[in-house]
Amino acid sequence: MKFLDDRLNKITMYQLVFQSLVIFAVWAIIAGFLGWLAYSGLSLLYSLILILLVCYAANRLFAWIFKVDFNIESNLITALILFLILAPITTGFDAVWYVIIGTAAMASKYLLVYRRKHIFNPAAIALFITGLFGAGLSIWWVATPVLFPVILVFGVFILRKVQRFQMFFAFLVFSVASILVSSHLHGFSPSLKQIFFSWPIIFFGTVMLTEPLTTPASNKLRIAYGAIVGILFGLQFSFASPELALIVGNIFSFLVSPKGRLKLTLKEKNKLSSDTYEFVFRPDKKLQFKPGQYLEWTLGDVKLDSRGNRRYFTIASSPTEPDIKLGVKFEEHGSNFKRKLLELHPNDHVWAGELRGDFVLPEDMSKKLVFLAGGIGITPFRSMVKYLSDKGEKRDIVLLYSAKEFAYKDVFDKAEIKTMYATERVTEQTVIKEIPDYKDRIFYLSGPRGMVEAFEKILKGLGIPKSSINIDFFPGFA
């Protein structure tokens, strides 16, 4: 798994989804030319070109009208999803519907919004609305044995990247159960082979269900989300459709998730260490969050590379502070996103939203904690410790921090917690020596993925149960 994770960590989730969809589309067109699909390669190629052009032009137009940053990543992903769902073009009338559906999908990102956050999956809402007017092109032809192996492999990659296996399996279990019950009531019983090869269950569950912008913020709510969508997904013999199932799920997610996006204006930029900077932003409105949570950050005018123009970063500031602080490590050959971030000047702005994260302090203040941090993984702990200090809360906390330089040292010096800082990695002996009562504590791990996995292995070797290990994870990376 390390080899796979190393490769996945070099790109963002959005780029992984985009590249996966490109592979699906290319393989489908090749299969069409080889006669392995019910559609010709030429009709598939025409359809792909048209939907890409329509979505690109429509997104450009709406971005200009609403005076917001243009995001090419988003429209390409939506266009490719629509291509894999819509019946290929065979008549001029089909081409007209392609234009309408593509435009509707892009329009939903600007019109069906709340506080600058879109509510619905663009492809799903466009297919549902145009279906009400008789479009009839939503056939989900992506569900075919020819594409299944490729979709399964890259679907697992996506789930591994975003760590949404629990949500996916909740969807899978409830959708299969719903399909079996619903079909039985209508007088027939499909086999599991038919369900997986003839229904878009894997494509839907890995590519569309996992979209971060329209899924709930916490793991428990995401599992409920998967179950709700799964039940409705299986009722296609009765009244539902895949797109309607996802729309209902999106509504549930909207109701239980933080609302809106922030416009953040840069106040200052501080150098924390030789390769780490702190960015201090002034938000356009107060953000209600828990220490340890993260946001999705978006920069405009970024020359796209394999990592895109969106990134997830933990909030370094405390809810008690008026500004939003962001701690970022920069490497010599970093992404275009980080180069653009480093070039920001005071009064420049960025957008942030999608507040997420279960990596928060336990409500029970009597619980004894250990913070294990590596490198810039200190940021969620800076937020937590600053919050506790400002609130005057006393908690039994030990910080073990491994990094070349101690970022945010001033905050931890003022806090009443035991701190052990080292330039070398924390070892099993370190834990035993510094924390004699380690078996009675809850551990929080944050840092580079490889380091976090090493920490987790150490703790499991010491007999720490999985329920006492919390890992800071968010689907952004580098």
Protein backbone atom coordinates (compact mmCIF):
# COMPACT_ATOMS: atom_id res chain seq x y z
CA MET A 1 0.00 0.00 0.00
CA LYS A 2 2.90 2.37 0.61
CA PHE A 3 3.76 2.39 -3.10
CA LEU A 4 0.16 3.25 -3.97
CA ASP A 5 -0.13 5.92 -1.28
CA ASP A 6 3.12 7.54 -2.38
CA ARG A 7 1.71 7.88 -5.91
CA LEU A 8 -1.70 9.07 -4.75
CA ASN A 9 -0.19 11.69 -2.45
CA LYS A 10 1.45 13.41 -5.41
CA ILE A 11 -1.88 14.55 -6.84
CA THR A 12 -5.08 16.02 -5.40
CA MET A 13 -8.34 14.15 -5.20
CA TYR A 14 -9.77 16.30 -7.99
CA GLN A 15 -6.91 15.46 -10.31
CA LEU A 16 -7.24 11.76 -9.49
CA VAL A 17 -10.95 11.84 -10.34
CA PHE A 18 -10.27 13.81 -13.52
CA GLN A 19 -7.53 11.46 -14.68
CA SER A 20 -9.66 8.42 -13.85
CA LEU A 21 -12.56 9.81 -15.89
CA VAL A 22 -10.24 10.49 -18.81
CA ILE A 23 -9.11 6.86 -18.71
CA PHE A 24 -12.74 5.67 -18.60
CA ALA A 25 -13.64 7.87 -21.58
CA VAL A 26 -10.62 6.88 -23.68
CA TRP A 27 -11.13 3.18 -22.98
CA ALA A 28 -14.83 3.48 -23.88
CA ILE A 29 -14.04 5.16 -27.20
CA ILE A 30 -11.44 2.50 -28.04
CA ALA A 31 -13.94 -0.21 -27.13
CA GLY A 32 -16.49 1.51 -29.36
CA PHE A 33 -14.15 1.44 -32.34
CA LEU A 34 -13.39 -2.23 -31.63
CA GLY A 35 -17.09 -3.06 -31.61
CA TRP A 36 -17.17 -4.08 -27.95
CA LEU A 37 -19.89 -1.56 -27.05
CA ALA A 38 -23.37 -0.95 -28.37
CA TYR A 39 -22.21 2.48 -29.58
CA SER A 40 -19.71 3.34 -32.28
CA GLY A 41 -16.39 4.89 -31.40
CA LEU A 42 -17.14 7.81 -33.70
CA SER A 43 -20.45 8.69 -32.02
CA LEU A 44 -18.75 8.48 -28.62
CA LEU A 45 -15.94 10.74 -29.80
CA TYR A 46 -18.37 13.34 -31.17
CA SER A 47 -20.35 13.24 -27.95
CA LEU A 48 -17.27 13.71 -25.80
CA ILE A 49 -15.99 16.67 -27.80
CA LEU A 50 -19.37 18.41 -27.75
CA ILE A 51 -20.01 18.03 -24.01
CA LEU A 52 -16.46 19.20 -23.18
CA LEU A 53 -16.89 22.31 -25.35
CA VAL A 54 -20.35 23.08 -23.98
CA CYS A 55 -19.33 22.77 -20.33
CA TYR A 56 -16.16 24.78 -20.87
CA ALA A 57 -17.95 27.62 -22.69
CA ALA A 58 -20.88 27.69 -20.26
CA ASN A 59 -18.62 27.74 -17.21
CA ARG A 60 -16.55 30.56 -18.74
CA LEU A 61 -19.72 32.53 -19.41
CA PHE A 62 -21.21 32.09 -15.93
CA ALA A 63 -17.88 32.86 -14.24
CA TRP A 64 -17.72 36.11 -16.22
CA ILE A 65 -21.35 37.02 -15.46
CA PHE A 66 -21.02 36.36 -11.73
CA LYS A 67 -17.46 37.73 -11.56
CA VAL A 68 -15.92 34.72 -9.85
CA ASP A 69 -12.74 32.74 -10.48
CA PHE A 70 -12.97 30.26 -13.33
CA ASN A 71 -12.25 26.64 -12.37
CA ILE A 72 -11.45 24.44 -15.37
CA GLU A 73 -10.96 21.34 -13.21
CA SER A 74 -14.56 21.38 -12.09
CA ASN A 75 -16.14 21.75 -15.52
CA LEU A 76 -13.96 19.03 -17.05
CA ILE A 77 -14.95 16.54 -14.35
CA THR A 78 -18.66 17.34 -14.79
CA ALA A 79 -18.38 17.09 -18.59
CA LEU A 80 -16.72 13.69 -18.41
CA ILE A 81 -19.34 12.38 -15.95
CA LEU A 82 -22.13 13.54 -18.27
CA PHE A 83 -20.40 11.87 -21.23
CA LEU A 84 -20.43 8.52 -19.40
CA ILE A 85 -24.12 8.85 -18.52
CA LEU A 86 -25.80 10.44 -21.56
CA ALA A 87 -26.79 8.38 -24.59
CA PRO A 88 -24.26 9.10 -27.38
CA ILE A 89 -25.35 11.58 -30.05
CA THR A 90 -27.13 10.05 -33.04
CA THR A 91 -29.26 12.98 -34.21
CA GLY A 92 -29.15 16.76 -34.25
CA PHE A 93 -31.91 16.74 -31.63
CA ASP A 94 -29.59 14.80 -29.30
CA ALA A 95 -26.90 17.45 -29.83
CA VAL A 96 -29.35 20.19 -28.80
CA TRP A 97 -30.08 18.33 -25.55
CA TYR A 98 -26.34 17.97 -24.93
CA VAL A 99 -26.02 21.77 -25.09
CA ILE A 100 -28.98 22.24 -22.75
CA ILE A 101 -27.83 19.63 -20.23
CA GLY A 102 -24.20 20.84 -20.18
CA THR A 103 -25.32 24.45 -19.74
CA ALA A 104 -27.75 23.46 -16.98
CA ALA A 105 -25.00 21.60 -15.12
CA MET A 106 -22.72 24.63 -15.20
CA ALA A 107 -25.55 27.01 -14.32
CA SER A 108 -26.37 24.98 -11.18
CA LYS A 109 -22.96 25.88 -9.75
CA TYR A 110 -23.85 29.57 -9.86
CA LEU A 111 -27.62 29.63 -9.42
CA LEU A 112 -28.42 26.79 -7.02
CA VAL A 113 -26.11 28.05 -4.29
CA TYR A 114 -26.23 29.23 -0.70
CA ARG A 115 -23.61 31.70 0.44
CA ARG A 116 -21.43 30.92 -2.59
CA LYS A 117 -21.62 27.15 -2.00
CA HIS A 118 -23.38 24.97 -4.55
CA ILE A 119 -25.85 22.51 -3.10
CA PHE A 120 -26.24 19.77 -5.70
CA ASN A 121 -23.96 17.57 -7.74
CA PRO A 122 -24.00 19.50 -11.06
CA ALA A 123 -24.38 16.44 -13.30
CA ALA A 124 -27.15 14.92 -11.19
CA ILE A 125 -29.26 18.08 -10.91
CA ALA A 126 -28.90 18.85 -14.63
CA LEU A 127 -30.00 15.34 -15.62
CA PHE A 128 -32.93 15.44 -13.21
CA ILE A 129 -34.25 18.85 -14.31
CA THR A 130 -33.86 18.23 -18.05
CA GLY A 131 -35.40 14.77 -17.57
CA LEU A 132 -38.56 16.47 -16.31
CA PHE A 133 -38.78 18.21 -19.70
CA GLY A 134 -38.35 15.01 -21.67
CA ALA A 135 -34.62 14.88 -22.36
CA GLY A 136 -34.52 11.11 -21.95
CA LEU A 137 -30.75 10.82 -22.54
CA SER A 138 -29.79 9.68 -19.04
CA ILE A 139 -29.10 5.98 -19.65
CA TRP A 140 -25.94 5.45 -17.53
CA TRP A 141 -24.25 3.41 -20.25
CA VAL A 142 -21.07 3.50 -18.16
CA ALA A 143 -22.50 0.38 -16.48
CA THR A 144 -21.09 -2.20 -18.87
CA PRO A 145 -18.81 -5.24 -18.37
CA VAL A 146 -16.25 -3.70 -20.75
CA LEU A 147 -15.65 -0.74 -18.43
CA PHE A 148 -16.23 -2.51 -15.12
CA PRO A 149 -12.63 -3.65 -14.39
CA VAL A 150 -11.17 -0.19 -15.06
CA ILE A 151 -13.87 1.54 -13.01
CA LEU A 152 -13.36 -0.88 -10.12
CA VAL A 153 -9.58 -0.35 -9.99
CA PHE A 154 -9.69 3.43 -10.19
CA GLY A 155 -12.73 3.55 -7.92
CA VAL A 156 -10.65 1.85 -5.22
CA PHE A 157 -7.88 4.41 -5.84
CA ILE A 158 -10.37 7.24 -5.27
CA LEU A 159 -11.73 5.67 -2.09
CA ARG A 160 -8.19 5.13 -0.83
CA LYS A 161 -7.31 8.74 -1.59
CA VAL A 162 -10.30 10.29 0.18
CA GLN A 163 -10.64 7.60 2.87
CA ARG A 164 -14.38 7.22 2.36
CA PHE A 165 -14.62 3.42 2.50
CA GLN A 166 -17.18 3.43 5.31
CA MET A 167 -19.49 5.78 3.42
CA PHE A 168 -19.08 3.74 0.23
CA PHE A 169 -19.80 0.41 1.94
CA ALA A 170 -22.87 1.88 3.63
CA PHE A 171 -24.08 2.93 0.18
CA LEU A 172 -23.18 -0.47 -1.31
CA VAL A 173 -24.94 -2.55 1.35
CA PHE A 174 -28.12 -0.48 1.38
CA SER A 175 -28.29 -0.11 -2.40
CA VAL A 176 -27.91 -3.86 -3.03
CA ALA A 177 -30.51 -4.64 -0.37
CA SER A 178 -32.85 -2.03 -1.82
CA ILE A 179 -32.37 -3.36 -5.36
CA LEU A 180 -33.13 -6.92 -4.29
CA VAL A 181 -36.26 -5.95 -2.34
CA SER A 182 -37.53 -3.53 -4.97
CA SER A 183 -37.00 -5.95 -7.86
CA HIS A 184 -38.62 -8.81 -5.94
CA LEU A 185 -41.73 -6.69 -5.40
CA HIS A 186 -41.85 -6.16 -9.16
CA GLY A 187 -41.66 -9.86 -9.92
CA PHE A 188 -38.04 -10.62 -10.72
CA SER A 189 -34.75 -11.17 -8.88
CA PRO A 190 -31.49 -9.96 -10.47
CA SER A 191 -28.28 -11.77 -9.57
CA LEU A 192 -25.38 -9.99 -7.90
CA LYS A 193 -23.51 -10.29 -11.22
CA GLN A 194 -26.29 -8.37 -12.97
CA ILE A 195 -26.36 -5.73 -10.22
CA PHE A 196 -22.64 -5.01 -10.43
CA PHE A 197 -22.19 -5.35 -14.18
CA SER A 198 -25.45 -3.83 -15.42
CA TRP A 199 -26.02 -1.10 -12.85
CA PRO A 200 -23.71 1.92 -12.36
CA ILE A 201 -23.28 1.03 -8.70
CA ILE A 202 -19.45 1.16 -8.55
CA PHE A 203 -19.10 4.24 -10.78
CA PHE A 204 -21.82 6.05 -8.84
CA GLY A 205 -20.48 5.10 -5.42
CA THR A 206 -16.82 5.92 -6.06
CA VAL A 207 -16.93 8.88 -8.47
CA MET A 208 -20.16 10.73 -7.73
CA LEU A 209 -21.05 9.89 -4.14
CA THR A 210 -17.60 10.91 -2.85
CA GLU A 211 -17.66 14.50 -4.16
CA PRO A 212 -16.44 16.53 -1.12
CA LEU A 213 -18.53 19.64 -1.86
CA THR A 214 -21.83 17.83 -1.44
CA THR A 215 -21.06 15.28 1.29
CA PRO A 216 -21.48 15.78 5.06
CA ALA A 217 -18.66 16.98 7.30
CA SER A 218 -18.43 14.15 9.85
CA ASN A 219 -17.88 10.43 9.40
CA LYS A 220 -21.13 9.41 11.11
CA LEU A 221 -23.16 11.73 8.92
CA ARG A 222 -21.33 10.49 5.82
CA ILE A 223 -22.29 6.90 6.68
CA ALA A 224 -25.92 8.01 7.06
CA TYR A 225 -25.60 9.87 3.75
CA GLY A 226 -24.34 6.72 2.02
CA ALA A 227 -27.22 4.69 3.46
CA ILE A 228 -29.88 7.21 2.40
CA VAL A 229 -28.56 7.47 -1.15
CA GLY A 230 -28.15 3.69 -1.32
CA ILE A 231 -31.79 3.02 -0.38
CA LEU A 232 -33.06 5.47 -3.00
CA PHE A 233 -30.58 4.22 -5.59
CA GLY A 234 -32.15 0.77 -5.35
CA LEU A 235 -35.71 2.00 -5.86
CA GLN A 236 -35.30 2.58 -9.58
CA PHE A 237 -38.02 0.02 -10.34
CA SER A 238 -40.44 2.12 -8.31
CA PHE A 239 -39.93 5.86 -8.66
CA ALA A 240 -36.31 6.86 -8.12
CA SER A 241 -33.28 7.21 -10.41
CA PRO A 242 -29.55 7.47 -9.66
CA GLU A 243 -29.65 11.24 -10.11
CA LEU A 244 -32.70 11.66 -7.85
CA ALA A 245 -31.07 9.48 -5.18
CA LEU A 246 -27.99 11.71 -5.20
CA ILE A 247 -30.06 14.92 -5.15
CA VAL A 248 -31.96 13.78 -2.05
CA GLY A 249 -28.62 12.89 -0.47
CA ASN A 250 -27.28 16.33 -1.37
CA ILE A 251 -30.26 17.95 0.37
CA PHE A 252 -29.59 15.88 3.50
CA SER A 253 -25.92 16.86 3.39
CA PHE A 254 -26.80 20.54 2.98
CA LEU A 255 -29.11 20.47 5.99
CA VAL A 256 -26.54 18.88 8.32
CA SER A 257 -23.36 20.61 7.06
CA PRO A 258 -21.76 24.02 7.60
CA LYS A 259 -23.13 26.54 5.10
CA GLY A 260 -21.39 28.85 2.69
CA ARG A 261 -17.87 29.87 1.75
CA LEU A 262 -15.50 32.47 3.17
CA LYS A 263 -13.74 35.24 1.35
CA LEU A 264 -10.39 35.60 3.12
CA THR A 265 -8.18 38.67 2.75
CA LEU A 266 -4.48 38.28 3.51
CA LYS A 267 -3.30 40.49 6.39
CA GLU A 268 0.24 39.27 6.83
CA LYS A 269 2.67 36.50 6.07
CA ASN A 270 5.10 35.26 8.74
CA LYS A 271 8.06 32.94 8.42
CA LEU A 272 7.85 30.22 11.06
CA SER A 273 10.94 28.26 10.03
CA SER A 274 13.28 27.86 7.09
CA ASP A 275 10.59 26.19 4.96
CA THR A 276 7.33 27.02 6.75
CA TYR A 277 5.15 30.14 6.57
CA GLU A 278 2.09 31.29 8.44
CA PHE A 279 -0.63 33.16 6.52
CA VAL A 280 -2.98 35.34 8.52
CA PHE A 281 -6.32 36.05 6.82
CA ARG A 282 -9.20 38.34 7.72
CA PRO A 283 -12.52 36.52 7.03
CA ASP A 284 -15.51 38.35 5.57
CA LYS A 285 -17.65 36.75 8.32
CA LYS A 286 -17.11 34.87 11.56
CA LEU A 287 -16.31 31.19 11.07
CA GLN A 288 -17.74 28.79 13.65
CA PHE A 289 -15.47 25.76 13.88
CA LYS A 290 -13.91 23.30 16.30
CA PRO A 291 -10.14 23.28 16.95
CA GLY A 292 -8.55 20.67 14.68
CA GLN A 293 -10.91 21.01 11.70
CA TYR A 294 -9.87 21.91 8.16
CA LEU A 295 -11.07 23.92 5.16
CA GLU A 296 -10.81 23.58 1.42
CA TRP A 297 -8.82 26.53 0.05
CA THR A 298 -9.17 27.75 -3.54
CA LEU A 299 -6.85 30.09 -5.43
CA GLY A 300 -7.70 31.78 -8.71
CA ASP A 301 -5.33 32.25 -11.66
CA VAL A 302 -3.25 29.19 -10.83
CA LYS A 303 -1.49 27.56 -13.76
CA LEU A 304 -2.87 24.04 -13.48
CA ASP A 305 -0.55 21.16 -12.77
CA SER A 306 -1.21 17.65 -11.46
CA ARG A 307 -2.32 19.10 -8.11
CA GLY A 308 -4.93 21.62 -9.26
CA ASN A 309 -5.99 24.92 -7.68
CA ARG A 310 -7.76 23.59 -4.59
CA ARG A 311 -6.19 22.24 -1.44
CA TYR A 312 -7.25 21.13 2.05
CA PHE A 313 -5.40 22.68 4.98
CA THR A 314 -6.00 22.45 8.72
CA ILE A 315 -6.95 25.71 10.43
CA ALA A 316 -4.01 26.74 12.62
CA SER A 317 -5.89 29.44 14.51
CA SER A 318 -8.23 28.96 17.46
CA PRO A 319 -11.96 29.78 17.33
CA THR A 320 -11.13 32.36 20.00
CA GLU A 321 -9.00 34.36 17.53
CA PRO A 322 -10.56 36.84 15.05
CA ASP A 323 -8.31 35.88 12.14
CA ILE A 324 -7.94 32.60 10.24
CA LYS A 325 -4.37 31.29 10.31
CA LEU A 326 -2.84 28.82 7.93
CA GLY A 327 0.52 27.09 8.40
CA VAL A 328 2.10 25.72 5.21
CA LYS A 329 5.34 23.92 4.49
CA PHE A 330 7.01 24.73 1.16
CA GLU A 331 9.35 22.47 -0.79
CA GLU A 332 11.87 23.30 -3.48
CA HIS A 333 9.78 21.69 -6.21
CA GLY A 334 6.33 22.45 -4.85
CA SER A 335 3.06 22.71 -6.71
CA ASN A 336 1.86 25.75 -8.65
CA PHE A 337 -0.77 26.21 -5.94
CA LYS A 338 1.86 26.66 -3.24
CA ARG A 339 3.95 28.93 -5.45
CA LYS A 340 0.90 31.12 -6.00
CA LEU A 341 0.10 31.06 -2.28
CA LEU A 342 3.63 32.17 -1.39
CA GLU A 343 3.37 35.04 -3.89
CA LEU A 344 0.24 36.48 -2.24
CA HIS A 345 0.48 40.07 -0.98
CA PRO A 346 -1.50 41.85 1.76
CA ASN A 347 -5.10 42.53 0.64
CA ASP A 348 -5.04 39.66 -1.87
CA HIS A 349 -7.87 37.23 -1.26
CA VAL A 350 -8.58 33.50 -1.41
CA TRP A 351 -11.75 31.46 -1.00
CA ALA A 352 -12.31 28.80 1.64
CA GLY A 353 -15.18 26.50 2.46
CA GLU A 354 -16.21 22.91 3.11
CA LEU A 355 -15.40 22.94 6.83
CA ARG A 356 -14.67 19.33 7.71
CA GLY A 357 -12.97 17.07 10.23
CA ASP A 358 -13.52 14.73 13.18
CA PHE A 359 -10.01 15.38 14.52
CA VAL A 360 -11.27 17.39 17.49
CA LEU A 361 -10.93 17.36 21.26
CA PRO A 362 -13.09 14.86 23.18
CA GLU A 363 -16.01 16.40 25.03
CA ASP A 364 -15.00 14.56 28.19
CA MET A 365 -12.40 16.88 29.74
CA SER A 366 -11.14 14.15 32.08
CA LYS A 367 -9.67 12.14 29.17
CA LYS A 368 -5.87 12.14 29.13
CA LEU A 369 -4.42 12.91 25.71
CA VAL A 370 -1.22 12.57 23.70
CA PHE A 371 -0.53 14.77 20.68
CA LEU A 372 1.94 13.11 18.29
CA ALA A 373 2.99 15.61 15.62
CA GLY A 374 5.42 15.56 12.74
CA GLY A 375 6.48 18.65 10.78
CA ILE A 376 3.63 20.96 9.80
CA GLY A 377 1.27 18.44 11.44
CA ILE A 378 1.59 20.68 14.50
CA THR A 379 -1.12 23.04 13.12
CA PRO A 380 -4.24 21.30 14.53
CA PHE A 381 -2.53 21.06 17.91
CA ARG A 382 -1.67 24.74 17.80
CA SER A 383 -5.41 25.42 17.29
CA MET A 384 -6.41 23.12 20.16
CA VAL A 385 -3.80 24.32 22.66
CA LYS A 386 -4.45 28.00 21.91
CA TYR A 387 -8.19 27.40 22.37
CA LEU A 388 -7.66 25.66 25.73
CA SER A 389 -5.33 28.44 26.92
CA ASP A 390 -7.76 31.19 25.92
CA LYS A 391 -10.69 29.39 27.55
CA GLY A 392 -8.72 28.56 30.68
CA GLU A 393 -9.50 24.86 30.34
CA LYS A 394 -7.15 22.41 32.06
CA ARG A 395 -6.50 19.10 30.32
CA ASP A 396 -3.87 16.43 30.84
CA ILE A 397 -1.96 16.59 27.53
CA VAL A 398 1.48 15.43 26.44
CA LEU A 399 2.90 16.71 23.14
CA LEU A 400 5.54 14.69 21.31
CA TYR A 401 6.76 16.73 18.35
CA SER A 402 9.25 15.62 15.72
CA ALA A 403 10.47 18.28 13.25
CA LYS A 404 13.60 20.08 12.06
CA GLU A 405 12.39 23.29 13.70
CA PHE A 406 9.71 23.96 16.33
CA ALA A 407 6.83 25.83 14.67
CA TYR A 408 4.50 27.82 16.95
CA LYS A 409 6.84 27.28 19.89
CA ASP A 410 5.56 30.42 21.65
CA VAL A 411 2.01 29.04 21.89
CA PHE A 412 3.14 25.75 23.42
CA ASP A 413 5.58 27.44 25.81
CA LYS A 414 2.68 29.37 27.32
CA ALA A 415 0.43 26.32 27.60
CA GLU A 416 0.39 24.13 30.69
CA ILE A 417 1.16 20.87 28.93
CA LYS A 418 4.15 18.56 28.87
CA THR A 419 6.10 19.05 25.63
CA MET A 420 8.85 16.85 24.22
CA TYR A 421 10.50 18.14 21.05
CA ALA A 422 13.00 16.17 18.97
CA THR A 423 14.60 16.50 15.54
CA GLU A 424 14.44 12.71 15.16
CA ARG A 425 11.36 10.57 14.74
CA VAL A 426 9.47 9.50 17.82
CA THR A 427 10.15 5.85 18.67
CA GLU A 428 8.49 3.20 20.78
CA GLN A 429 11.08 3.85 23.50
CA THR A 430 10.25 7.56 23.43
CA VAL A 431 6.59 6.87 24.14
CA ILE A 432 7.37 4.45 26.97
CA LYS A 433 9.88 6.83 28.58
CA GLU A 434 7.99 10.10 28.25
CA ILE A 435 4.47 8.74 28.87
CA PRO A 436 4.49 6.00 31.54
CA ASP A 437 0.66 5.90 31.58
CA TYR A 438 0.37 5.73 27.76
CA LYS A 439 -2.14 2.86 27.92
CA ASP A 440 -4.61 5.14 29.69
CA ARG A 441 -4.48 7.90 27.07
CA ILE A 442 -6.12 8.81 23.76
CA PHE A 443 -3.62 9.51 20.95
CA TYR A 444 -3.93 12.15 18.23
CA LEU A 445 -1.60 11.73 15.23
CA SER A 446 -0.91 14.48 12.70
CA GLY A 447 1.79 14.95 10.08
CA PRO A 448 3.01 13.59 6.73
CA ARG A 449 1.20 10.39 5.81
CA GLY A 450 4.30 8.19 6.10
CA MET A 451 5.07 9.57 9.53
CA VAL A 452 1.49 9.13 10.72
CA GLU A 453 1.49 5.51 9.55
CA ALA A 454 4.78 4.94 11.41
CA PHE A 455 3.27 6.48 14.57
CA GLU A 456 0.19 4.27 14.24
CA LYS A 457 2.34 1.15 13.86
CA ILE A 458 4.29 2.05 17.01
CA LEU A 459 1.12 2.52 19.03
CA LYS A 460 -0.46 -0.72 17.83
CA GLY A 461 2.79 -2.48 18.77
CA LEU A 462 2.38 -1.07 22.27
CA GLY A 463 -1.10 -2.50 22.52
CA ILE A 464 -3.02 0.76 22.06
CA PRO A 465 -6.52 -0.10 20.72
CA LYS A 466 -7.67 1.43 17.44
CA SER A 467 -10.47 3.25 19.27
CA SER A 468 -7.84 5.25 21.18
CA ILE A 469 -5.99 6.41 18.04
CA ASN A 470 -7.27 9.45 16.11
CA ILE A 471 -5.65 10.33 12.79
CA ASP A 472 -5.76 13.74 11.16
CA PHE A 473 -6.84 13.05 7.60
CA PHE A 474 -8.16 15.28 4.85
CA PRO A 475 -8.38 14.59 1.09
CA GLY A 476 -6.18 17.35 -0.20
CA PHE A 477 -2.46 16.72 0.00
CA ALA A 478 0.67 18.58 -1.01
